[in-house]
């Protein structure tokens, strides 16, 4: 079983055309070409340097009041009630 000869490829090509039809096959190739073009366009746009706006802090963080670590002076830390060994 050597490589495929030209006759094998011709038979495969005829079967593909019979299964998919001339219209579907050309539509498929057109879609593949459009996909390749959009991929190349996306890659070229990605290479161009973008000028992003300087990041600004979120407005809701500026509007919040500072957090008091212990608003109730009567609160005490929890006591350790584990038995000592």
PDB file of N, CA and C in Angstrom:
ATOM      1  N   UNK A   1       0.832  -1.195   0.000  1.00  0.00           N
ATOM      2  CA  UNK A   1       0.000   0.000   0.000  1.00  0.00           C
ATOM      3  C   UNK A   1       0.865   1.242   0.000  1.00  0.00           C
ATOM      4  N   UNK A   2       1.200   1.707  -1.139  1.00  0.00           N
ATOM      5  CA  UNK A   2       2.015   2.906  -1.265  1.00  0.00           C
ATOM      6  C   UNK A   2       1.174   4.151  -1.046  1.00  0.00           C
ATOM      7  N   UNK A   3       1.685   5.260  -1.531  1.00  0.00           N
ATOM      8  CA  UNK A   3       0.956   6.519  -1.413  1.00  0.00           C
ATOM      9  C   UNK A   3      -0.250   6.551  -2.333  1.00  0.00           C
ATOM     10  N   UNK A   4      -1.018   7.561  -2.186  1.00  0.00           N
ATOM     11  CA  UNK A   4      -2.205   7.692  -3.036  1.00  0.00           C
ATOM     12  C   UNK A   4      -1.803   8.268  -4.392  1.00  0.00           C
ATOM     13  N   UNK A   5      -2.284   7.665  -5.444  1.00  0.00           N
ATOM     14  CA  UNK A   5      -1.966   8.140  -6.795  1.00  0.00           C
ATOM     15  C   UNK A   5      -2.973   9.215  -7.209  1.00  0.00           C
ATOM     16  N   UNK A   6      -2.760   9.783  -8.350  1.00  0.00           N
ATOM     17  CA  UNK A   6      -3.645  10.826  -8.878  1.00  0.00           C
ATOM     18  C   UNK A   6      -5.057  10.288  -9.071  1.00  0.00           C
ATOM     19  N   UNK A   7      -5.178   8.997  -9.420  1.00  0.00           N
ATOM     20  CA  UNK A   7      -6.505   8.412  -9.627  1.00  0.00           C
ATOM     21  C   UNK A   7      -7.283   8.338  -8.316  1.00  0.00           C
ATOM     22  N   UNK A   8      -6.592   8.041  -7.233  1.00  0.00           N
ATOM     23  CA  UNK A   8      -7.266   8.020  -5.929  1.00  0.00           C
ATOM     24  C   UNK A   8      -7.814   9.403  -5.582  1.00  0.00           C
ATOM     25  N   UNK A   9      -6.985  10.437  -5.800  1.00  0.00           N
ATOM     26  CA  UNK A   9      -7.413  11.796  -5.483  1.00  0.00           C
ATOM     27  C   UNK A   9      -8.568  12.237  -6.389  1.00  0.00           C
ATOM     28  N   UNK A  10      -8.562  11.822  -7.644  1.00  0.00           N
ATOM     29  CA  UNK A  10      -9.674  12.164  -8.536  1.00  0.00           C
ATOM     30  C   UNK A  10     -10.972  11.517  -8.069  1.00  0.00           C
ATOM     31  N   UNK A  11     -10.914  10.253  -7.666  1.00  0.00           N
ATOM     32  CA  UNK A  11     -12.111   9.568  -7.163  1.00  0.00           C
ATOM     33  C   UNK A  11     -12.619  10.256  -5.901  1.00  0.00           C
ATOM     34  N   UNK A  12     -11.713  10.610  -5.002  1.00  0.00           N
ATOM     35  CA  UNK A  12     -12.122  11.304  -3.771  1.00  0.00           C
ATOM     36  C   UNK A  12     -12.759  12.647  -4.119  1.00  0.00           C
ATOM     37  N   UNK A  13     -12.162  13.372  -5.057  1.00  0.00           N
ATOM     38  CA  UNK A  13     -12.715  14.664  -5.460  1.00  0.00           C
ATOM     39  C   UNK A  13     -14.103  14.539  -6.060  1.00  0.00           C
ATOM     40  N   UNK A  14     -14.318  13.528  -6.912  1.00  0.00           N
ATOM     41  CA  UNK A  14     -15.636  13.311  -7.509  1.00  0.00           C
ATOM     42  C   UNK A  14     -16.657  12.960  -6.430  1.00  0.00           C
ATOM     43  N   UNK A  15     -16.262  12.124  -5.475  1.00  0.00           N
ATOM     44  CA  UNK A  15     -17.191  11.761  -4.390  1.00  0.00           C
ATOM     45  C   UNK A  15     -17.567  12.986  -3.548  1.00  0.00           C
ATOM     46  N   UNK A  16     -16.591  13.830  -3.276  1.00  0.00           N
ATOM     47  CA  UNK A  16     -16.876  15.044  -2.499  1.00  0.00           C
ATOM     48  C   UNK A  16     -17.845  15.936  -3.262  1.00  0.00           C
ATOM     49  N   UNK A  17     -17.608  16.116  -4.550  1.00  0.00           N
ATOM     50  CA  UNK A  17     -18.513  16.951  -5.342  1.00  0.00           C
ATOM     51  C   UNK A  17     -19.916  16.340  -5.413  1.00  0.00           C
ATOM     52  N   UNK A  18     -20.014  15.016  -5.505  1.00  0.00           N
ATOM     53  CA  UNK A  18     -21.323  14.373  -5.533  1.00  0.00           C
ATOM     54  C   UNK A  18     -22.051  14.524  -4.204  1.00  0.00           C
ATOM     55  N   UNK A  19     -21.316  14.393  -3.115  1.00  0.00           N
ATOM     56  CA  UNK A  19     -21.958  14.487  -1.793  1.00  0.00           C
ATOM     57  C   UNK A  19     -22.377  15.909  -1.455  1.00  0.00           C
ATOM     58  N   UNK A  20     -21.487  16.851  -1.709  1.00  0.00           N
ATOM     59  CA  UNK A  20     -21.771  18.228  -1.294  1.00  0.00           C
ATOM     60  C   UNK A  20     -22.374  19.063  -2.411  1.00  0.00           C
ATOM     61  N   UNK A  21     -22.204  18.680  -3.624  1.00  0.00           N
ATOM     62  CA  UNK A  21     -22.742  19.470  -4.737  1.00  0.00           C
ATOM     63  C   UNK A  21     -21.840  20.650  -5.046  1.00  0.00           C
ATOM     64  N   UNK A  22     -21.958  21.143  -6.260  1.00  0.00           N
ATOM     65  CA  UNK A  22     -21.096  22.238  -6.691  1.00  0.00           C
ATOM     66  C   UNK A  22     -21.383  23.512  -5.895  1.00  0.00           C
ATOM     67  N   UNK A  23     -22.649  23.809  -5.656  1.00  0.00           N
ATOM     68  CA  UNK A  23     -23.013  25.040  -4.945  1.00  0.00           C
ATOM     69  C   UNK A  23     -22.558  25.038  -3.506  1.00  0.00           C
ATOM     70  N   UNK A  24     -22.782  23.934  -2.816  1.00  0.00           N
ATOM     71  CA  UNK A  24     -22.378  23.860  -1.411  1.00  0.00           C
ATOM     72  C   UNK A  24     -20.868  23.935  -1.266  1.00  0.00           C
ATOM     73  N   UNK A  25     -20.170  23.247  -2.156  1.00  0.00           N
ATOM     74  CA  UNK A  25     -18.708  23.240  -2.085  1.00  0.00           C
ATOM     75  C   UNK A  25     -18.148  24.642  -2.295  1.00  0.00           C
ATOM     76  N   UNK A  26     -18.663  25.365  -3.282  1.00  0.00           N
ATOM     77  CA  UNK A  26     -18.164  26.722  -3.528  1.00  0.00           C
ATOM     78  C   UNK A  26     -18.557  27.656  -2.388  1.00  0.00           C
ATOM     79  N   UNK A  27     -19.750  27.457  -1.808  1.00  0.00           N
ATOM     80  CA  UNK A  27     -20.153  28.265  -0.656  1.00  0.00           C
ATOM     81  C   UNK A  27     -19.232  28.006   0.537  1.00  0.00           C
ATOM     82  N   UNK A  28     -18.892  26.719   0.742  1.00  0.00           N
ATOM     83  CA  UNK A  28     -18.004  26.365   1.838  1.00  0.00           C
ATOM     84  C   UNK A  28     -16.639  27.020   1.650  1.00  0.00           C
ATOM     85  N   UNK A  29     -16.105  26.984   0.448  1.00  0.00           N
ATOM     86  CA  UNK A  29     -14.797  27.582   0.187  1.00  0.00           C
ATOM     87  C   UNK A  29     -14.861  29.106   0.358  1.00  0.00           C
ATOM     88  N   UNK A  30     -15.977  29.716  -0.025  1.00  0.00           N
ATOM     89  CA  UNK A  30     -16.147  31.156   0.179  1.00  0.00           C
ATOM     90  C   UNK A  30     -16.174  31.502   1.656  1.00  0.00           C
ATOM     91  N   UNK A  31     -16.860  30.684   2.452  1.00  0.00           N
ATOM     92  CA  UNK A  31     -16.899  30.916   3.893  1.00  0.00           C
ATOM     93  C   UNK A  31     -15.520  30.759   4.517  1.00  0.00           C
ATOM     94  N   UNK A  32     -14.765  29.771   4.054  1.00  0.00           N
ATOM     95  CA  UNK A  32     -13.403  29.580   4.565  1.00  0.00           C
ATOM     96  C   UNK A  32     -12.544  30.795   4.225  1.00  0.00           C
ATOM     97  N   UNK A  33     -12.676  31.307   3.019  1.00  0.00           N
ATOM     98  CA  UNK A  33     -11.903  32.482   2.610  1.00  0.00           C
ATOM     99  C   UNK A  33     -12.276  33.697   3.458  1.00  0.00           C
ATOM    100  N   UNK A  34     -13.565  33.891   3.731  1.00  0.00           N
ATOM    101  CA  UNK A  34     -13.996  35.016   4.568  1.00  0.00           C
ATOM    102  C   UNK A  34     -13.441  34.871   5.985  1.00  0.00           C
ATOM    103  N   UNK A  35     -13.428  33.657   6.488  1.00  0.00           N
ATOM    104  CA  UNK A  35     -12.886  33.429   7.825  1.00  0.00           C
ATOM    105  C   UNK A  35     -11.407  33.748   7.896  1.00  0.00           C
ATOM    106  N   UNK A  36     -10.667  33.353   6.873  1.00  0.00           N
ATOM    107  CA  UNK A  36      -9.233  33.638   6.848  1.00  0.00           C
ATOM    108  C   UNK A  36      -8.996  35.144   6.767  1.00  0.00           C
ATOM    109  N   UNK A  37      -9.782  35.844   5.948  1.00  0.00           N
ATOM    110  CA  UNK A  37      -9.625  37.294   5.825  1.00  0.00           C
ATOM    111  C   UNK A  37      -9.933  37.997   7.145  1.00  0.00           C
ATOM    112  N   UNK A  38     -11.003  37.589   7.820  1.00  0.00           N
ATOM    113  CA  UNK A  38     -11.336  38.239   9.091  1.00  0.00           C
ATOM    114  C   UNK A  38     -10.295  37.915  10.157  1.00  0.00           C
ATOM    115  N   UNK A  39      -9.722  36.710  10.110  1.00  0.00           N
ATOM    116  CA  UNK A  39      -8.664  36.354  11.049  1.00  0.00           C
ATOM    117  C   UNK A  39      -7.442  37.236  10.835  1.00  0.00           C
ATOM    118  N   UNK A  40      -7.046  37.421   9.564  1.00  0.00           N
ATOM    119  CA  UNK A  40      -5.898  38.269   9.270  1.00  0.00           C
ATOM    120  C   UNK A  40      -6.162  39.715   9.681  1.00  0.00           C
ATOM    121  N   UNK A  41      -7.389  40.180   9.449  1.00  0.00           N
ATOM    122  CA  UNK A  41      -7.735  41.549   9.829  1.00  0.00           C
ATOM    123  C   UNK A  41      -7.665  41.705  11.345  1.00  0.00           C
ATOM    124  N   UNK A  42      -8.162  40.724  12.073  1.00  0.00           N
ATOM    125  CA  UNK A  42      -8.104  40.772  13.527  1.00  0.00           C
ATOM    126  C   UNK A  42      -6.678  40.756  14.051  1.00  0.00           C
ATOM    127  N   UNK A  43      -5.816  39.970  13.406  1.00  0.00           N
ATOM    128  CA  UNK A  43      -4.418  39.924  13.831  1.00  0.00           C
ATOM    129  C   UNK A  43      -3.717  41.248  13.547  1.00  0.00           C
ATOM    130  N   UNK A  44      -4.031  41.899  12.431  1.00  0.00           N
ATOM    131  CA  UNK A  44      -3.382  43.172  12.117  1.00  0.00           C
ATOM    132  C   UNK A  44      -3.890  44.269  13.040  1.00  0.00           C
ATOM    133  N   UNK A  45      -5.154  44.228  13.433  1.00  0.00           N
ATOM    134  CA  UNK A  45      -5.686  45.221  14.369  1.00  0.00           C
ATOM    135  C   UNK A  45      -5.069  45.037  15.743  1.00  0.00           C
ATOM    136  N   UNK A  46      -4.782  43.800  16.106  1.00  0.00           N
ATOM    137  CA  UNK A  46      -4.203  43.528  17.418  1.00  0.00           C
ATOM    138  C   UNK A  46      -2.772  44.045  17.490  1.00  0.00           C
ATOM    139  N   UNK A  47      -2.056  44.045  16.370  1.00  0.00           N
ATOM    140  CA  UNK A  47      -0.673  44.495  16.343  1.00  0.00           C
ATOM    141  C   UNK A  47      -0.558  46.008  16.464  1.00  0.00           C
ATOM    142  N   UNK A  48      -1.582  46.733  16.039  1.00  0.00           N
ATOM    143  CA  UNK A  48      -1.533  48.188  16.104  1.00  0.00           C
ATOM    144  C   UNK A  48      -1.583  48.626  17.564  1.00  0.00           C
ATOM    145  N   UNK A  49      -0.734  49.584  17.952  1.00  0.00           N
ATOM    146  CA  UNK A  49      -0.751  50.028  19.347  1.00  0.00           C
ATOM    147  C   UNK A  49      -2.039  50.789  19.655  1.00  0.00           C
ATOM    148  N   UNK A  50      -2.659  50.420  20.701  1.00  0.00           N
ATOM    149  CA  UNK A  50      -3.885  51.100  21.125  1.00  0.00           C
ATOM    150  C   UNK A  50      -3.503  52.186  22.129  1.00  0.00           C
ATOM    151  N   UNK A  51      -4.244  53.264  22.112  1.00  0.00           N
ATOM    152  CA  UNK A  51      -4.007  54.352  23.050  1.00  0.00           C
ATOM    153  C   UNK A  51      -5.119  54.332  24.089  1.00  0.00           C
ATOM    154  N   UNK A  52      -4.948  53.519  25.122  1.00  0.00           N
ATOM    155  CA  UNK A  52      -6.024  53.433  26.119  1.00  0.00           C
ATOM    156  C   UNK A  52      -6.071  54.694  26.973  1.00  0.00           C
ATOM    157  N   UNK A  53      -7.247  55.015  27.407  1.00  0.00           N
ATOM    158  CA  UNK A  53      -7.423  56.151  28.303  1.00  0.00           C
ATOM    159  C   UNK A  53      -6.815  55.793  29.655  1.00  0.00           C
ATOM    160  N   UNK A  54      -6.308  56.781  30.379  1.00  0.00           N
ATOM    161  CA  UNK A  54      -5.740  56.466  31.689  1.00  0.00           C
ATOM    162  C   UNK A  54      -6.830  55.893  32.611  1.00  0.00           C
ATOM    163  N   UNK A  55      -6.484  54.895  33.380  1.00  0.00           N
ATOM    164  CA  UNK A  55      -7.497  54.284  34.245  1.00  0.00           C
ATOM    165  C   UNK A  55      -7.963  55.253  35.330  1.00  0.00           C
ATOM    166  N   UNK A  56      -9.246  55.264  35.554  1.00  0.00           N
ATOM    167  CA  UNK A  56      -9.810  56.126  36.579  1.00  0.00           C
ATOM    168  C   UNK A  56     -10.422  55.240  37.658  1.00  0.00           C
ATOM    169  N   UNK A  57     -10.300  55.653  38.912  1.00  0.00           N
ATOM    170  CA  UNK A  57     -10.886  54.829  39.983  1.00  0.00           C
ATOM    171  C   UNK A  57     -12.402  54.793  39.869  1.00  0.00           C
ATOM    172  N   UNK A  58     -12.965  53.725  40.365  1.00  0.00           N
ATOM    173  CA  UNK A  58     -14.420  53.572  40.308  1.00  0.00           C
ATOM    174  C   UNK A  58     -15.078  54.635  41.177  1.00  0.00           C
ATOM    175  N   UNK A  59     -16.144  55.266  40.676  1.00  0.00           N
ATOM    176  CA  UNK A  59     -16.770  56.343  41.455  1.00  0.00           C
ATOM    177  C   UNK A  59     -17.370  55.862  42.761  1.00  0.00           C
ATOM    178  N   UNK A  60     -17.844  54.630  42.820  1.00  0.00           N
ATOM    179  CA  UNK A  60     -18.477  54.173  44.058  1.00  0.00           C
ATOM    180  C   UNK A  60     -17.464  54.014  45.181  1.00  0.00           C
ATOM    181  N   UNK A  61     -16.196  53.756  44.835  1.00  0.00           N
ATOM    182  CA  UNK A  61     -15.175  53.654  45.869  1.00  0.00           C
ATOM    183  C   UNK A  61     -14.873  55.023  46.472  1.00  0.00           C
ATOM    184  N   UNK A  62     -14.992  56.064  45.678  1.00  0.00           N
ATOM    185  CA  UNK A  62     -14.748  57.404  46.194  1.00  0.00           C
ATOM    186  C   UNK A  62     -15.892  57.873  47.082  1.00  0.00           C
ATOM    187  N   UNK A  63     -17.098  57.358  46.886  1.00  0.00           N
ATOM    188  CA  UNK A  63     -18.260  57.814  47.631  1.00  0.00           C
ATOM    189  C   UNK A  63     -18.434  57.088  48.963  1.00  0.00           C
ATOM    190  N   UNK A  64     -17.747  55.975  49.166  1.00  0.00           N
ATOM    191  CA  UNK A  64     -17.920  55.216  50.396  1.00  0.00           C
ATOM    192  C   UNK A  64     -17.211  55.899  51.561  1.00  0.00           C
ATOM    193  N   UNK A  65     -17.797  55.737  52.734  1.00  0.00           N
ATOM    194  CA  UNK A  65     -17.196  56.247  53.953  1.00  0.00           C
ATOM    195  C   UNK A  65     -16.087  55.298  54.397  1.00  0.00           C
ATOM    196  N   UNK A  66     -15.052  55.807  55.052  1.00  0.00           N
ATOM    197  CA  UNK A  66     -14.018  54.915  55.548  1.00  0.00           C
ATOM    198  C   UNK A  66     -14.598  53.956  56.590  1.00  0.00           C
ATOM    199  N   UNK A  67     -14.076  52.760  56.624  1.00  0.00           N
ATOM    200  CA  UNK A  67     -14.589  51.741  57.526  1.00  0.00           C
ATOM    201  C   UNK A  67     -13.923  51.880  58.881  1.00  0.00           C
ATOM    202  N   UNK A  68     -14.755  51.944  59.927  1.00  0.00           N
ATOM    203  CA  UNK A  68     -14.250  51.977  61.297  1.00  0.00           C
ATOM    204  C   UNK A  68     -13.996  50.540  61.724  1.00  0.00           C
ATOM    205  N   UNK A  69     -12.782  50.208  62.199  1.00  0.00           N
ATOM    206  CA  UNK A  69     -12.496  48.816  62.514  1.00  0.00           C
ATOM    207  C   UNK A  69     -13.371  48.240  63.625  1.00  0.00           C
ATOM    208  N   UNK A  70     -13.785  49.048  64.591  1.00  0.00           N
ATOM    209  CA  UNK A  70     -14.620  48.560  65.675  1.00  0.00           C
ATOM    210  C   UNK A  70     -15.626  49.647  66.038  1.00  0.00           C
ATOM    211  N   UNK A  71     -16.815  49.619  65.432  1.00  0.00           N
ATOM    212  CA  UNK A  71     -17.774  50.692  65.703  1.00  0.00           C
ATOM    213  C   UNK A  71     -18.331  50.647  67.134  1.00  0.00           C
ATOM    214  N   UNK A  72     -18.364  49.490  67.779  1.00  0.00           N
ATOM    215  CA  UNK A  72     -18.890  49.363  69.136  1.00  0.00           C
ATOM    216  C   UNK A  72     -17.729  49.157  70.105  1.00  0.00           C
ATOM    217  N   UNK A  73     -17.467  50.137  70.978  1.00  0.00           N
ATOM    218  CA  UNK A  73     -16.326  49.997  71.892  1.00  0.00           C
ATOM    219  C   UNK A  73     -16.505  48.869  72.926  1.00  0.00           C
ATOM    220  N   UNK A  74     -17.740  48.387  73.121  1.00  0.00           N
ATOM    221  CA  UNK A  74     -17.982  47.329  74.100  1.00  0.00           C
ATOM    222  C   UNK A  74     -17.606  45.938  73.565  1.00  0.00           C
ATOM    223  N   UNK A  75     -17.420  45.824  72.251  1.00  0.00           N
ATOM    224  CA  UNK A  75     -17.088  44.524  71.676  1.00  0.00           C
ATOM    225  C   UNK A  75     -15.672  44.118  72.063  1.00  0.00           C
ATOM    226  N   UNK A  76     -15.523  42.861  72.440  1.00  0.00           N
ATOM    227  CA  UNK A  76     -14.220  42.318  72.811  1.00  0.00           C
ATOM    228  C   UNK A  76     -13.907  41.140  71.897  1.00  0.00           C
ATOM    229  N   UNK A  77     -12.612  40.814  71.733  1.00  0.00           N
ATOM    230  CA  UNK A  77     -12.286  39.645  70.932  1.00  0.00           C
ATOM    231  C   UNK A  77     -12.801  38.375  71.588  1.00  0.00           C
ATOM    232  N   UNK A  78     -13.066  37.385  70.809  1.00  0.00           N
ATOM    233  CA  UNK A  78     -13.595  36.127  71.316  1.00  0.00           C
ATOM    234  C   UNK A  78     -12.526  35.425  72.153  1.00  0.00           C
ATOM    235  N   UNK A  79     -12.959  34.872  73.294  1.00  0.00           N
ATOM    236  CA  UNK A  79     -12.035  34.171  74.177  1.00  0.00           C
ATOM    237  C   UNK A  79     -11.791  32.760  73.666  1.00  0.00           C
ATOM    238  N   UNK A  80     -10.561  32.283  73.854  1.00  0.00           N
ATOM    239  CA  UNK A  80     -10.190  30.931  73.437  1.00  0.00           C
ATOM    240  C   UNK A  80     -10.629  29.954  74.530  1.00  0.00           C
ATOM    241  N   UNK A  81     -11.605  29.088  74.208  1.00  0.00           N
ATOM    242  CA  UNK A  81     -12.115  28.159  75.204  1.00  0.00           C
ATOM    243  C   UNK A  81     -11.677  26.718  74.937  1.00  0.00           C
ATOM    244  N   UNK A  82     -10.627  26.538  74.125  1.00  0.00           N
ATOM    245  CA  UNK A  82     -10.135  25.189  73.871  1.00  0.00           C
ATOM    246  C   UNK A  82      -9.360  24.707  75.086  1.00  0.00           C
ATOM    247  N   UNK A  83      -9.455  23.415  75.375  1.00  0.00           N
ATOM    248  CA  UNK A  83      -8.691  22.901  76.524  1.00  0.00           C
ATOM    249  C   UNK A  83      -7.184  22.920  76.215  1.00  0.00           C
ATOM    250  N   UNK A  84      -6.406  23.251  77.216  1.00  0.00           N
ATOM    251  CA  UNK A  84      -4.958  23.295  77.050  1.00  0.00           C
ATOM    252  C   UNK A  84      -4.400  21.913  77.308  1.00  0.00           C
ATOM    253  N   UNK A  85      -3.407  21.469  76.554  1.00  0.00           N
ATOM    254  CA  UNK A  85      -2.863  20.146  76.784  1.00  0.00           C
ATOM    255  C   UNK A  85      -1.699  20.146  77.739  1.00  0.00           C
TER     256      UNK A  85
END
